[in-house]
Amino acid sequence: MHRTMKKLYRDHAHFSRLMDILEGELNGMEAAGGTVSPLLTELVSYISDYVDAFHHPVEDQLYQIMLARTDHGMEEMDRLLGDHLVITNMTRELR
């Protein structure tokens, strides 16, 4: 497997763990009456700074390359590109 693909797969495994932590922090914030923890702030910053700025653009470029070569899976790739915009907007709103 190409090193870029390996990195993306690794990122996704890490993001899954981070989302579990983020969910716990959000639940803790709710229980603490809306107090934002430093960890929550760091998680949101990481998502915004790394995921939105580096990870998703690499994936988006790969999707564009694939779409230029074939229309197989086009609907799925269009959905994924749209999902990235939604995630970016949600991260900005959360931040």
PDB file of N, CA and C in Angstrom:
ATOM      1  N   MET A   1       0.848  -1.172   0.000  1.00  0.00           N
ATOM      2  CA  MET A   1       0.000   0.000   0.000  1.00  0.00           C
ATOM      3  C   MET A   1       0.898   1.242   0.000  1.00  0.00           C
ATOM      4  N   HIS A   2       0.493   2.241  -0.725  1.00  0.00           N
ATOM      5  CA  HIS A   2       1.248   3.486  -0.812  1.00  0.00           C
ATOM      6  C   HIS A   2       1.293   4.171   0.556  1.00  0.00           C
ATOM      7  N   ARG A   3       2.383   4.845   0.829  1.00  0.00           N
ATOM      8  CA  ARG A   3       2.564   5.467   2.164  1.00  0.00           C
ATOM      9  C   ARG A   3       1.491   6.513   2.463  1.00  0.00           C
ATOM     10  N   THR A   4       0.999   7.209   1.438  1.00  0.00           N
ATOM     11  CA  THR A   4      -0.072   8.189   1.671  1.00  0.00           C
ATOM     12  C   THR A   4      -1.335   7.477   2.140  1.00  0.00           C
ATOM     13  N   MET A   5      -1.648   6.363   1.521  1.00  0.00           N
ATOM     14  CA  MET A   5      -2.828   5.597   1.934  1.00  0.00           C
ATOM     15  C   MET A   5      -2.646   5.041   3.343  1.00  0.00           C
ATOM     16  N   LYS A   6      -1.457   4.558   3.650  1.00  0.00           N
ATOM     17  CA  LYS A   6      -1.184   4.060   5.006  1.00  0.00           C
ATOM     18  C   LYS A   6      -1.413   5.166   6.028  1.00  0.00           C
ATOM     19  N   LYS A   7      -0.936   6.357   5.720  1.00  0.00           N
ATOM     20  CA  LYS A   7      -1.090   7.495   6.631  1.00  0.00           C
ATOM     21  C   LYS A   7      -2.572   7.829   6.823  1.00  0.00           C
ATOM     22  N   LEU A   8      -3.323   7.839   5.738  1.00  0.00           N
ATOM     23  CA  LEU A   8      -4.751   8.139   5.840  1.00  0.00           C
ATOM     24  C   LEU A   8      -5.477   7.094   6.680  1.00  0.00           C
ATOM     25  N   TYR A   9      -5.147   5.828   6.483  1.00  0.00           N
ATOM     26  CA  TYR A   9      -5.755   4.769   7.289  1.00  0.00           C
ATOM     27  C   TYR A   9      -5.407   4.928   8.767  1.00  0.00           C
ATOM     28  N   ARG A  10      -4.141   5.225   9.040  1.00  0.00           N
ATOM     29  CA  ARG A  10      -3.709   5.449  10.431  1.00  0.00           C
ATOM     30  C   ARG A  10      -4.451   6.627  11.034  1.00  0.00           C
ATOM     31  N   ASP A  11      -4.553   7.698  10.253  1.00  0.00           N
ATOM     32  CA  ASP A  11      -5.293   8.877  10.720  1.00  0.00           C
ATOM     33  C   ASP A  11      -6.709   8.490  11.124  1.00  0.00           C
ATOM     34  N   HIS A  12      -7.375   7.699  10.308  1.00  0.00           N
ATOM     35  CA  HIS A  12      -8.755   7.333  10.601  1.00  0.00           C
ATOM     36  C   HIS A  12      -8.863   6.521  11.889  1.00  0.00           C
ATOM     37  N   ALA A  13      -7.908   5.663  12.130  1.00  0.00           N
ATOM     38  CA  ALA A  13      -7.913   4.910  13.395  1.00  0.00           C
ATOM     39  C   ALA A  13      -7.750   5.868  14.575  1.00  0.00           C
ATOM     40  N   HIS A  14      -6.869   6.841  14.423  1.00  0.00           N
ATOM     41  CA  HIS A  14      -6.661   7.833  15.488  1.00  0.00           C
ATOM     42  C   HIS A  14      -7.900   8.705  15.666  1.00  0.00           C
ATOM     43  N   PHE A  15      -8.526   9.097  14.559  1.00  0.00           N
ATOM     44  CA  PHE A  15      -9.718   9.951  14.641  1.00  0.00           C
ATOM     45  C   PHE A  15     -10.847   9.229  15.372  1.00  0.00           C
ATOM     46  N   SER A  16     -10.961   7.941  15.157  1.00  0.00           N
ATOM     47  CA  SER A  16     -11.998   7.176  15.834  1.00  0.00           C
ATOM     48  C   SER A  16     -11.807   7.250  17.348  1.00  0.00           C
ATOM     49  N   ARG A  17     -10.585   7.084  17.783  1.00  0.00           N
ATOM     50  CA  ARG A  17     -10.293   7.188  19.225  1.00  0.00           C
ATOM     51  C   ARG A  17     -10.536   8.607  19.732  1.00  0.00           C
ATOM     52  N   LEU A  18     -10.136   9.595  18.928  1.00  0.00           N
ATOM     53  CA  LEU A  18     -10.349  10.991  19.337  1.00  0.00           C
ATOM     54  C   LEU A  18     -11.836  11.321  19.447  1.00  0.00           C
ATOM     55  N   MET A  19     -12.645  10.765  18.554  1.00  0.00           N
ATOM     56  CA  MET A  19     -14.085  11.030  18.607  1.00  0.00           C
ATOM     57  C   MET A  19     -14.692  10.435  19.870  1.00  0.00           C
ATOM     58  N   ASP A  20     -14.191   9.279  20.304  1.00  0.00           N
ATOM     59  CA  ASP A  20     -14.658   8.704  21.568  1.00  0.00           C
ATOM     60  C   ASP A  20     -14.306   9.617  22.739  1.00  0.00           C
ATOM     61  N   ILE A  21     -13.100  10.144  22.726  1.00  0.00           N
ATOM     62  CA  ILE A  21     -12.668  11.063  23.789  1.00  0.00           C
ATOM     63  C   ILE A  21     -13.491  12.344  23.726  1.00  0.00           C
ATOM     64  N   LEU A  22     -13.696  12.864  22.522  1.00  0.00           N
ATOM     65  CA  LEU A  22     -14.482  14.087  22.345  1.00  0.00           C
ATOM     66  C   LEU A  22     -15.900  13.890  22.885  1.00  0.00           C
ATOM     67  N   GLU A  23     -16.492  12.749  22.580  1.00  0.00           N
ATOM     68  CA  GLU A  23     -17.833  12.460  23.072  1.00  0.00           C
ATOM     69  C   GLU A  23     -17.861  12.440  24.603  1.00  0.00           C
ATOM     70  N   GLY A  24     -16.854  11.819  25.210  1.00  0.00           N
ATOM     71  CA  GLY A  24     -16.772  11.801  26.663  1.00  0.00           C
ATOM     72  C   GLY A  24     -16.617  13.194  27.248  1.00  0.00           C
ATOM     73  N   GLU A  25     -15.808  13.998  26.600  1.00  0.00           N
ATOM     74  CA  GLU A  25     -15.607  15.370  27.081  1.00  0.00           C
ATOM     75  C   GLU A  25     -16.890  16.194  26.947  1.00  0.00           C
ATOM     76  N   LEU A  26     -17.615  16.008  25.843  1.00  0.00           N
ATOM     77  CA  LEU A  26     -18.873  16.733  25.669  1.00  0.00           C
ATOM     78  C   LEU A  26     -19.900  16.299  26.710  1.00  0.00           C
ATOM     79  N   ASN A  27     -19.935  15.003  27.001  1.00  0.00           N
ATOM     80  CA  ASN A  27     -20.839  14.523  28.052  1.00  0.00           C
ATOM     81  C   ASN A  27     -20.434  15.093  29.404  1.00  0.00           C
ATOM     82  N   GLY A  28     -19.132  15.157  29.667  1.00  0.00           N
ATOM     83  CA  GLY A  28     -18.637  15.739  30.914  1.00  0.00           C
ATOM     84  C   GLY A  28     -18.959  17.214  31.014  1.00  0.00           C
ATOM     85  N   MET A  29     -18.882  17.901  29.893  1.00  0.00           N
ATOM     86  CA  MET A  29     -19.205  19.334  29.870  1.00  0.00           C
ATOM     87  C   MET A  29     -20.679  19.533  30.224  1.00  0.00           C
ATOM     88  N   GLU A  30     -21.512  18.676  29.670  1.00  0.00           N
ATOM     89  CA  GLU A  30     -22.936  18.743  29.961  1.00  0.00           C
ATOM     90  C   GLU A  30     -23.188  18.540  31.453  1.00  0.00           C
ATOM     91  N   ALA A  31     -22.504  17.533  32.024  1.00  0.00           N
ATOM     92  CA  ALA A  31     -22.669  17.229  33.444  1.00  0.00           C
ATOM     93  C   ALA A  31     -22.111  18.338  34.334  1.00  0.00           C
ATOM     94  N   ALA A  32     -21.113  19.064  33.827  1.00  0.00           N
ATOM     95  CA  ALA A  32     -20.488  20.134  34.604  1.00  0.00           C
ATOM     96  C   ALA A  32     -21.162  21.485  34.367  1.00  0.00           C
ATOM     97  N   GLY A  33     -22.328  21.448  33.784  1.00  0.00           N
ATOM     98  CA  GLY A  33     -23.067  22.693  33.587  1.00  0.00           C
ATOM     99  C   GLY A  33     -22.507  23.583  32.494  1.00  0.00           C
ATOM    100  N   GLY A  34     -21.879  22.999  31.500  1.00  0.00           N
ATOM    101  CA  GLY A  34     -21.394  23.782  30.360  1.00  0.00           C
ATOM    102  C   GLY A  34     -19.950  24.226  30.444  1.00  0.00           C
ATOM    103  N   THR A  35     -19.229  23.773  31.468  1.00  0.00           N
ATOM    104  CA  THR A  35     -17.822  24.145  31.603  1.00  0.00           C
ATOM    105  C   THR A  35     -16.991  23.409  30.557  1.00  0.00           C
ATOM    106  N   VAL A  36     -16.239  24.165  29.759  1.00  0.00           N
ATOM    107  CA  VAL A  36     -15.413  23.597  28.694  1.00  0.00           C
ATOM    108  C   VAL A  36     -14.052  23.225  29.270  1.00  0.00           C
ATOM    109  N   SER A  37     -13.685  21.958  29.102  1.00  0.00           N
ATOM    110  CA  SER A  37     -12.399  21.493  29.620  1.00  0.00           C
ATOM    111  C   SER A  37     -11.272  21.871  28.663  1.00  0.00           C
ATOM    112  N   PRO A  38     -10.050  21.990  29.177  1.00  0.00           N
ATOM    113  CA  PRO A  38      -8.906  22.253  28.303  1.00  0.00           C
ATOM    114  C   PRO A  38      -8.718  21.149  27.257  1.00  0.00           C
ATOM    115  N   LEU A  39      -9.016  19.901  27.633  1.00  0.00           N
ATOM    116  CA  LEU A  39      -8.884  18.804  26.679  1.00  0.00           C
ATOM    117  C   LEU A  39      -9.858  18.971  25.517  1.00  0.00           C
ATOM    118  N   LEU A  40     -11.063  19.381  25.806  1.00  0.00           N
ATOM    119  CA  LEU A  40     -12.054  19.606  24.759  1.00  0.00           C
ATOM    120  C   LEU A  40     -11.573  20.695  23.801  1.00  0.00           C
ATOM    121  N   THR A  41     -11.043  21.747  24.357  1.00  0.00           N
ATOM    122  CA  THR A  41     -10.510  22.840  23.538  1.00  0.00           C
ATOM    123  C   THR A  41      -9.385  22.343  22.639  1.00  0.00           C
ATOM    124  N   GLU A  42      -8.504  21.525  23.183  1.00  0.00           N
ATOM    125  CA  GLU A  42      -7.385  20.980  22.398  1.00  0.00           C
ATOM    126  C   GLU A  42      -7.870  20.036  21.310  1.00  0.00           C
ATOM    127  N   LEU A  43      -8.846  19.209  21.610  1.00  0.00           N
ATOM    128  CA  LEU A  43      -9.386  18.284  20.615  1.00  0.00           C
ATOM    129  C   LEU A  43      -9.985  19.036  19.433  1.00  0.00           C
ATOM    130  N   VAL A  44     -10.773  20.042  19.724  1.00  0.00           N
ATOM    131  CA  VAL A  44     -11.402  20.818  18.653  1.00  0.00           C
ATOM    132  C   VAL A  44     -10.337  21.554  17.844  1.00  0.00           C
ATOM    133  N   SER A  45      -9.334  22.086  18.506  1.00  0.00           N
ATOM    134  CA  SER A  45      -8.237  22.755  17.787  1.00  0.00           C
ATOM    135  C   SER A  45      -7.501  21.783  16.882  1.00  0.00           C
ATOM    136  N   TYR A  46      -7.230  20.584  17.377  1.00  0.00           N
ATOM    137  CA  TYR A  46      -6.542  19.569  16.573  1.00  0.00           C
ATOM    138  C   TYR A  46      -7.359  19.215  15.338  1.00  0.00           C
ATOM    139  N   ILE A  47      -8.646  18.997  15.549  1.00  0.00           N
ATOM    140  CA  ILE A  47      -9.507  18.642  14.421  1.00  0.00           C
ATOM    141  C   ILE A  47      -9.476  19.759  13.388  1.00  0.00           C
ATOM    142  N   SER A  48      -9.593  20.974  13.852  1.00  0.00           N
ATOM    143  CA  SER A  48      -9.589  22.110  12.932  1.00  0.00           C
ATOM    144  C   SER A  48      -8.237  22.297  12.267  1.00  0.00           C
ATOM    145  N   ASP A  49      -7.185  22.251  13.060  1.00  0.00           N
ATOM    146  CA  ASP A  49      -5.852  22.548  12.533  1.00  0.00           C
ATOM    147  C   ASP A  49      -5.278  21.429  11.682  1.00  0.00           C
ATOM    148  N   TYR A  50      -5.474  20.188  12.067  1.00  0.00           N
ATOM    149  CA  TYR A  50      -4.883  19.079  11.313  1.00  0.00           C
ATOM    150  C   TYR A  50      -5.863  18.465  10.319  1.00  0.00           C
ATOM    151  N   VAL A  51      -6.993  18.040  10.818  1.00  0.00           N
ATOM    152  CA  VAL A  51      -7.925  17.309   9.965  1.00  0.00           C
ATOM    153  C   VAL A  51      -8.409  18.182   8.813  1.00  0.00           C
ATOM    154  N   ASP A  52      -8.895  19.364   9.137  1.00  0.00           N
ATOM    155  CA  ASP A  52      -9.443  20.231   8.095  1.00  0.00           C
ATOM    156  C   ASP A  52      -8.366  20.822   7.193  1.00  0.00           C
ATOM    157  N   ALA A  53      -7.192  21.073   7.751  1.00  0.00           N
ATOM    158  CA  ALA A  53      -6.143  21.733   6.970  1.00  0.00           C
ATOM    159  C   ALA A  53      -5.238  20.771   6.209  1.00  0.00           C
ATOM    160  N   PHE A  54      -5.078  19.537   6.697  1.00  0.00           N
ATOM    161  CA  PHE A  54      -4.134  18.609   6.061  1.00  0.00           C
ATOM    162  C   PHE A  54      -4.775  17.300   5.600  1.00  0.00           C
ATOM    163  N   HIS A  55      -5.472  16.626   6.510  1.00  0.00           N
ATOM    164  CA  HIS A  55      -5.998  15.300   6.187  1.00  0.00           C
ATOM    165  C   HIS A  55      -7.053  15.350   5.076  1.00  0.00           C
ATOM    166  N   HIS A  56      -8.098  16.133   5.265  1.00  0.00           N
ATOM    167  CA  HIS A  56      -9.160  16.179   4.272  1.00  0.00           C
ATOM    168  C   HIS A  56      -8.692  16.693   2.910  1.00  0.00           C
ATOM    169  N   PRO A  57      -7.837  17.694   2.837  1.00  0.00           N
ATOM    170  CA  PRO A  57      -7.360  18.104   1.509  1.00  0.00           C
ATOM    171  C   PRO A  57      -6.633  16.990   0.751  1.00  0.00           C
ATOM    172  N   VAL A  58      -5.876  16.154   1.453  1.00  0.00           N
ATOM    173  CA  VAL A  58      -5.203  15.025   0.790  1.00  0.00           C
ATOM    174  C   VAL A  58      -6.252  14.051   0.259  1.00  0.00           C
ATOM    175  N   GLU A  59      -7.233  13.717   1.097  1.00  0.00           N
ATOM    176  CA  GLU A  59      -8.303  12.830   0.632  1.00  0.00           C
ATOM    177  C   GLU A  59      -9.047  13.434  -0.551  1.00  0.00           C
ATOM    178  N   ASP A  60      -9.349  14.714  -0.470  1.00  0.00           N
ATOM    179  CA  ASP A  60     -10.071  15.379  -1.555  1.00  0.00           C
ATOM    180  C   ASP A  60      -9.289  15.307  -2.869  1.00  0.00           C
ATOM    181  N   GLN A  61      -7.981  15.476  -2.802  1.00  0.00           N
ATOM    182  CA  GLN A  61      -7.158  15.354  -4.009  1.00  0.00           C
ATOM    183  C   GLN A  61      -7.213  13.934  -4.563  1.00  0.00           C
ATOM    184  N   LEU A  62      -7.148  12.948  -3.691  1.00  0.00           N
ATOM    185  CA  LEU A  62      -7.248  11.557  -4.143  1.00  0.00           C
ATOM    186  C   LEU A  62      -8.593  11.283  -4.800  1.00  0.00           C
ATOM    187  N   TYR A  63      -9.672  11.812  -4.217  1.00  0.00           N
ATOM    188  CA  TYR A  63     -10.993  11.629  -4.809  1.00  0.00           C
ATOM    189  C   TYR A  63     -11.038  12.256  -6.201  1.00  0.00           C
ATOM    190  N   GLN A  64     -10.472  13.448  -6.338  1.00  0.00           N
ATOM    191  CA  GLN A  64     -10.482  14.129  -7.640  1.00  0.00           C
ATOM    192  C   GLN A  64      -9.687  13.332  -8.679  1.00  0.00           C
ATOM    193  N   ILE A  65      -8.562  12.785  -8.275  1.00  0.00           N
ATOM    194  CA  ILE A  65      -7.763  11.957  -9.186  1.00  0.00           C
ATOM    195  C   ILE A  65      -8.570  10.735  -9.622  1.00  0.00           C
ATOM    196  N   MET A  66      -9.212  10.097  -8.658  1.00  0.00           N
ATOM    197  CA  MET A  66     -10.002   8.910  -8.985  1.00  0.00           C
ATOM    198  C   MET A  66     -11.164   9.264  -9.905  1.00  0.00           C
ATOM    199  N   LEU A  67     -11.836  10.369  -9.635  1.00  0.00           N
ATOM    200  CA  LEU A  67     -12.971  10.773 -10.464  1.00  0.00           C
ATOM    201  C   LEU A  67     -12.526  11.145 -11.877  1.00  0.00           C
ATOM    202  N   ALA A  68     -11.309  11.639 -12.028  1.00  0.00           N
ATOM    203  CA  ALA A  68     -10.801  11.975 -13.353  1.00  0.00           C
ATOM    204  C   ALA A  68     -10.522  10.715 -14.175  1.00  0.00           C
ATOM    205  N   ARG A  69     -10.306   9.593 -13.489  1.00  0.00           N
ATOM    206  CA  ARG A  69      -9.964   8.340 -14.173  1.00  0.00           C
ATOM    207  C   ARG A  69     -11.171   7.451 -14.437  1.00  0.00           C
ATOM    208  N   THR A  70     -12.179   7.554 -13.600  1.00  0.00           N
ATOM    209  CA  THR A  70     -13.345   6.676 -13.741  1.00  0.00           C
ATOM    210  C   THR A  70     -14.545   7.324 -13.068  1.00  0.00           C
ATOM    211  N   ASP A  71     -15.716   6.944 -13.523  1.00  0.00           N
ATOM    212  CA  ASP A  71     -16.913   7.429 -12.837  1.00  0.00           C
ATOM    213  C   ASP A  71     -17.453   6.373 -11.870  1.00  0.00           C
ATOM    214  N   HIS A  72     -16.727   5.253 -11.760  1.00  0.00           N
ATOM    215  CA  HIS A  72     -17.104   4.204 -10.811  1.00  0.00           C
ATOM    216  C   HIS A  72     -16.988   4.748  -9.387  1.00  0.00           C
ATOM    217  N   GLY A  73     -18.055   4.700  -8.648  1.00  0.00           N
ATOM    218  CA  GLY A  73     -18.046   5.204  -7.277  1.00  0.00           C
ATOM    219  C   GLY A  73     -18.221   6.704  -7.167  1.00  0.00           C
ATOM    220  N   MET A  74     -18.633   7.348  -8.274  1.00  0.00           N
ATOM    221  CA  MET A  74     -18.734   8.806  -8.284  1.00  0.00           C
ATOM    222  C   MET A  74     -19.697   9.331  -7.217  1.00  0.00           C
ATOM    223  N   GLU A  75     -20.837   8.668  -7.061  1.00  0.00           N
ATOM    224  CA  GLU A  75     -21.809   9.129  -6.061  1.00  0.00           C
ATOM    225  C   GLU A  75     -21.214   9.088  -4.655  1.00  0.00           C
ATOM    226  N   GLU A  76     -20.487   8.014  -4.364  1.00  0.00           N
ATOM    227  CA  GLU A  76     -19.867   7.873  -3.040  1.00  0.00           C
ATOM    228  C   GLU A  76     -18.808   8.956  -2.826  1.00  0.00           C
ATOM    229  N   MET A  77     -17.999   9.208  -3.826  1.00  0.00           N
ATOM    230  CA  MET A  77     -16.950  10.228  -3.678  1.00  0.00           C
ATOM    231  C   MET A  77     -17.545  11.619  -3.561  1.00  0.00           C
ATOM    232  N   ASP A  78     -18.607  11.892  -4.307  1.00  0.00           N
ATOM    233  CA  ASP A  78     -19.290  13.179  -4.163  1.00  0.00           C
ATOM    234  C   ASP A  78     -19.828  13.338  -2.743  1.00  0.00           C
ATOM    235  N   ARG A  79     -20.375  12.246  -2.194  1.00  0.00           N
ATOM    236  CA  ARG A  79     -20.889  12.294  -0.817  1.00  0.00           C
ATOM    237  C   ARG A  79     -19.761  12.561   0.169  1.00  0.00           C
ATOM    238  N   LEU A  80     -18.616  11.883  -0.029  1.00  0.00           N
ATOM    239  CA  LEU A  80     -17.470  12.082   0.864  1.00  0.00           C
ATOM    240  C   LEU A  80     -16.945  13.515   0.801  1.00  0.00           C
ATOM    241  N   LEU A  81     -16.875  14.075  -0.400  1.00  0.00           N
ATOM    242  CA  LEU A  81     -16.445  15.469  -0.533  1.00  0.00           C
ATOM    243  C   LEU A  81     -17.413  16.396   0.202  1.00  0.00           C
ATOM    244  N   GLY A  82     -18.699  16.119   0.079  1.00  0.00           N
ATOM    245  CA  GLY A  82     -19.698  16.902   0.805  1.00  0.00           C
ATOM    246  C   GLY A  82     -19.570  16.732   2.309  1.00  0.00           C
ATOM    247  N   ASP A  83     -19.284  15.504   2.743  1.00  0.00           N
ATOM    248  CA  ASP A  83     -19.098  15.247   4.172  1.00  0.00           C
ATOM    249  C   ASP A  83     -17.944  16.076   4.728  1.00  0.00           C
ATOM    250  N   HIS A  84     -16.885  16.216   3.960  1.00  0.00           N
ATOM    251  CA  HIS A  84     -15.742  17.008   4.423  1.00  0.00           C
ATOM    252  C   HIS A  84     -16.146  18.465   4.645  1.00  0.00           C
ATOM    253  N   LEU A  85     -16.963  19.005   3.766  1.00  0.00           N
ATOM    254  CA  LEU A  85     -17.440  20.379   3.957  1.00  0.00           C
ATOM    255  C   LEU A  85     -18.292  20.491   5.217  1.00  0.00           C
ATOM    256  N   VAL A  86     -19.141  19.505   5.450  1.00  0.00           N
ATOM    257  CA  VAL A  86     -19.988  19.506   6.646  1.00  0.00           C
ATOM    258  C   VAL A  86     -19.117  19.443   7.896  1.00  0.00           C
ATOM    259  N   ILE A  87     -18.129  18.551   7.903  1.00  0.00           N
ATOM    260  CA  ILE A  87     -17.249  18.408   9.066  1.00  0.00           C
ATOM    261  C   ILE A  87     -16.482  19.702   9.317  1.00  0.00           C
ATOM    262  N   THR A  88     -15.974  20.311   8.249  1.00  0.00           N
ATOM    263  CA  THR A  88     -15.238  21.573   8.389  1.00  0.00           C
ATOM    264  C   THR A  88     -16.137  22.645   8.995  1.00  0.00           C
ATOM    265  N   ASN A  89     -17.363  22.754   8.509  1.00  0.00           N
ATOM    266  CA  ASN A  89     -18.288  23.759   9.038  1.00  0.00           C
ATOM    267  C   ASN A  89     -18.684  23.472  10.471  1.00  0.00           C
ATOM    268  N   MET A  90     -18.888  22.198  10.797  1.00  0.00           N
ATOM    269  CA  MET A  90     -19.228  21.831  12.178  1.00  0.00           C
ATOM    270  C   MET A  90     -18.066  22.138  13.127  1.00  0.00           C
ATOM    271  N   THR A  91     -16.850  21.856  12.674  1.00  0.00           N
ATOM    272  CA  THR A  91     -15.684  22.126  13.508  1.00  0.00           C
ATOM    273  C   THR A  91     -15.555  23.628  13.768  1.00  0.00           C
ATOM    274  N   ARG A  92     -15.748  24.420  12.739  1.00  0.00           N
ATOM    275  CA  ARG A  92     -15.686  25.883  12.909  1.00  0.00           C
ATOM    276  C   ARG A  92     -16.747  26.362  13.896  1.00  0.00           C
ATOM    277  N   GLU A  93     -17.953  25.823  13.759  1.00  0.00           N
ATOM    278  CA  GLU A  93     -19.036  26.212  14.663  1.00  0.00           C
ATOM    279  C   GLU A  93     -18.739  25.798  16.094  1.00  0.00           C
ATOM    280  N   LEU A  94     -18.214  24.590  16.271  1.00  0.00           N
ATOM    281  CA  LEU A  94     -17.890  24.102  17.606  1.00  0.00           C
ATOM    282  C   LEU A  94     -16.767  24.918  18.229  1.00  0.00           C
ATOM    283  N   ARG A  95     -15.790  25.292  17.408  1.00  0.00           N
ATOM    284  CA  ARG A  95     -14.668  26.065  17.905  1.00  0.00           C
ATOM    285  C   ARG A  95     -15.127  27.414  18.410  1.00  0.00           C
TER     286      ARG A  95
END
